[in-house]
Amino acid sequence: ARLPDRLRAAVVLCELDGLSRKDAAARLGVPEGTVSSRLAAARKTLAARLRARGVTAPAAGLGIYFARLAHAGPVPRRLTEAAARFATSDASAT
């Protein structure tokens, strides 16, 4: 939830909603390469934030995770909704 809007939109569309980069690009009105760049930047940002919190997960590992997630198909709607509720609640600040 704390990613910049341009990065968060790419992550939500591709990683949570299961859209292809091509479809996400069309929806966002940007080139497909821009979506790829934003996803890479989001992964890098999230990895840095995890490291700052003491979580040791190499960026390559996160990349593999997101790649597998993208090929696994869309995330179930209930999980997406629960994650969105958590991300916008006070609980996410802890």
Protein backbone atom coordinates (compact mmCIF):
# COMPACT_ATOMS: atom_id res chain seq x y z
CA ALA A 1 0.00 0.00 0.00
CA ARG A 2 2.96 2.32 0.53
CA LEU A 3 4.41 1.91 -2.95
CA PRO A 4 4.08 4.93 -5.23
CA ASP A 5 0.84 4.76 -7.24
CA ARG A 6 2.60 4.09 -10.56
CA LEU A 7 4.43 1.07 -9.10
CA ARG A 8 1.52 -0.20 -7.04
CA ALA A 9 -0.82 -0.14 -10.05
CA ALA A 10 1.52 -2.39 -12.03
CA VAL A 11 1.89 -4.83 -9.13
CA VAL A 12 -1.85 -5.00 -8.48
CA LEU A 13 -2.75 -5.53 -12.13
CA CYS A 14 -0.03 -8.08 -12.94
CA GLU A 15 0.71 -9.85 -9.67
CA LEU A 16 -2.64 -9.73 -7.88
CA ASP A 17 -5.18 -9.54 -10.70
CA GLY A 18 -3.17 -11.82 -13.00
CA LEU A 19 -3.17 -9.57 -16.07
CA SER A 20 -0.41 -9.96 -18.62
CA ARG A 21 2.04 -7.09 -18.97
CA LYS A 22 0.45 -6.34 -22.35
CA ASP A 23 -3.06 -6.11 -20.86
CA ALA A 24 -1.84 -4.08 -17.87
CA ALA A 25 -0.05 -1.69 -20.24
CA ALA A 26 -3.26 -1.19 -22.23
CA ARG A 27 -5.23 -0.55 -19.07
CA LEU A 28 -2.63 1.92 -17.74
CA GLY A 29 -2.08 3.58 -21.12
CA VAL A 30 1.67 3.01 -21.10
CA PRO A 31 4.05 0.85 -23.17
CA GLU A 32 4.50 -2.78 -22.11
CA GLY A 33 8.17 -2.09 -21.33
CA THR A 34 7.09 0.58 -18.85
CA VAL A 35 5.00 -1.97 -16.98
CA SER A 36 8.00 -4.31 -16.86
CA SER A 37 10.21 -1.50 -15.56
CA ARG A 38 7.66 -0.56 -12.91
CA LEU A 39 7.37 -4.16 -11.76
CA ALA A 40 11.16 -4.41 -11.47
CA ALA A 41 11.29 -1.13 -9.54
CA ALA A 42 8.50 -2.32 -7.23
CA ARG A 43 10.35 -5.57 -6.50
CA LYS A 44 13.54 -3.67 -5.77
CA THR A 45 11.70 -1.25 -3.48
CA LEU A 46 9.89 -4.04 -1.63
CA ALA A 47 13.12 -6.01 -1.22
CA ALA A 48 14.87 -2.95 0.24
CA ARG A 49 12.00 -2.37 2.64
CA LEU A 50 12.09 -6.00 3.75
CA ARG A 51 15.86 -5.80 4.32
CA ALA A 52 15.36 -2.61 6.37
CA ARG A 53 12.94 -4.57 8.57
CA GLY A 54 15.48 -7.34 9.03
CA VAL A 55 13.93 -9.82 6.61
CA THR A 56 16.65 -11.48 4.59
CA ALA A 57 15.21 -12.38 1.21
CA PRO A 58 17.43 -11.80 -1.79
CA ALA A 59 15.87 -9.76 -4.57
CA ALA A 60 16.41 -12.70 -6.91
CA GLY A 61 14.27 -14.83 -4.63
CA LEU A 62 11.52 -12.24 -4.72
CA GLY A 63 11.77 -12.16 -8.49
CA ILE A 64 11.31 -15.91 -8.66
CA TYR A 65 8.38 -15.70 -6.25
CA PHE A 66 6.64 -13.02 -8.33
CA ALA A 67 7.33 -14.91 -11.56
CA ARG A 68 5.76 -18.06 -10.12
CA LEU A 69 2.85 -16.06 -8.74
CA ALA A 70 2.24 -14.50 -12.15
CA HIS A 71 2.12 -17.94 -13.79
CA ALA A 72 -0.10 -19.38 -11.10
CA GLY A 73 -3.06 -17.36 -12.36
CA PRO A 74 -5.15 -14.72 -10.66
CA VAL A 75 -5.19 -14.47 -6.90
CA PRO A 76 -8.57 -15.49 -5.46
CA ARG A 77 -10.82 -12.46 -4.97
CA ARG A 78 -11.25 -13.11 -1.23
CA LEU A 79 -7.47 -13.04 -0.72
CA THR A 80 -7.11 -9.83 -2.74
CA GLU A 81 -9.91 -8.19 -0.74
CA ALA A 82 -8.40 -9.32 2.58
CA ALA A 83 -4.99 -7.99 1.57
CA ALA A 84 -6.54 -4.67 0.54
CA ARG A 85 -8.38 -4.39 3.87
CA PHE A 86 -5.17 -5.13 5.75
CA ALA A 87 -3.14 -2.69 3.67
CA THR A 88 -5.57 0.13 4.41
CA SER A 89 -6.08 -0.66 8.09
CA ASP A 90 -4.15 0.63 11.10
CA ALA A 91 -2.73 -2.88 11.52
CA SER A 92 -0.45 -2.36 8.52
CA ALA A 93 1.36 0.47 10.31
CA THR A 94 2.85 -1.97 12.83
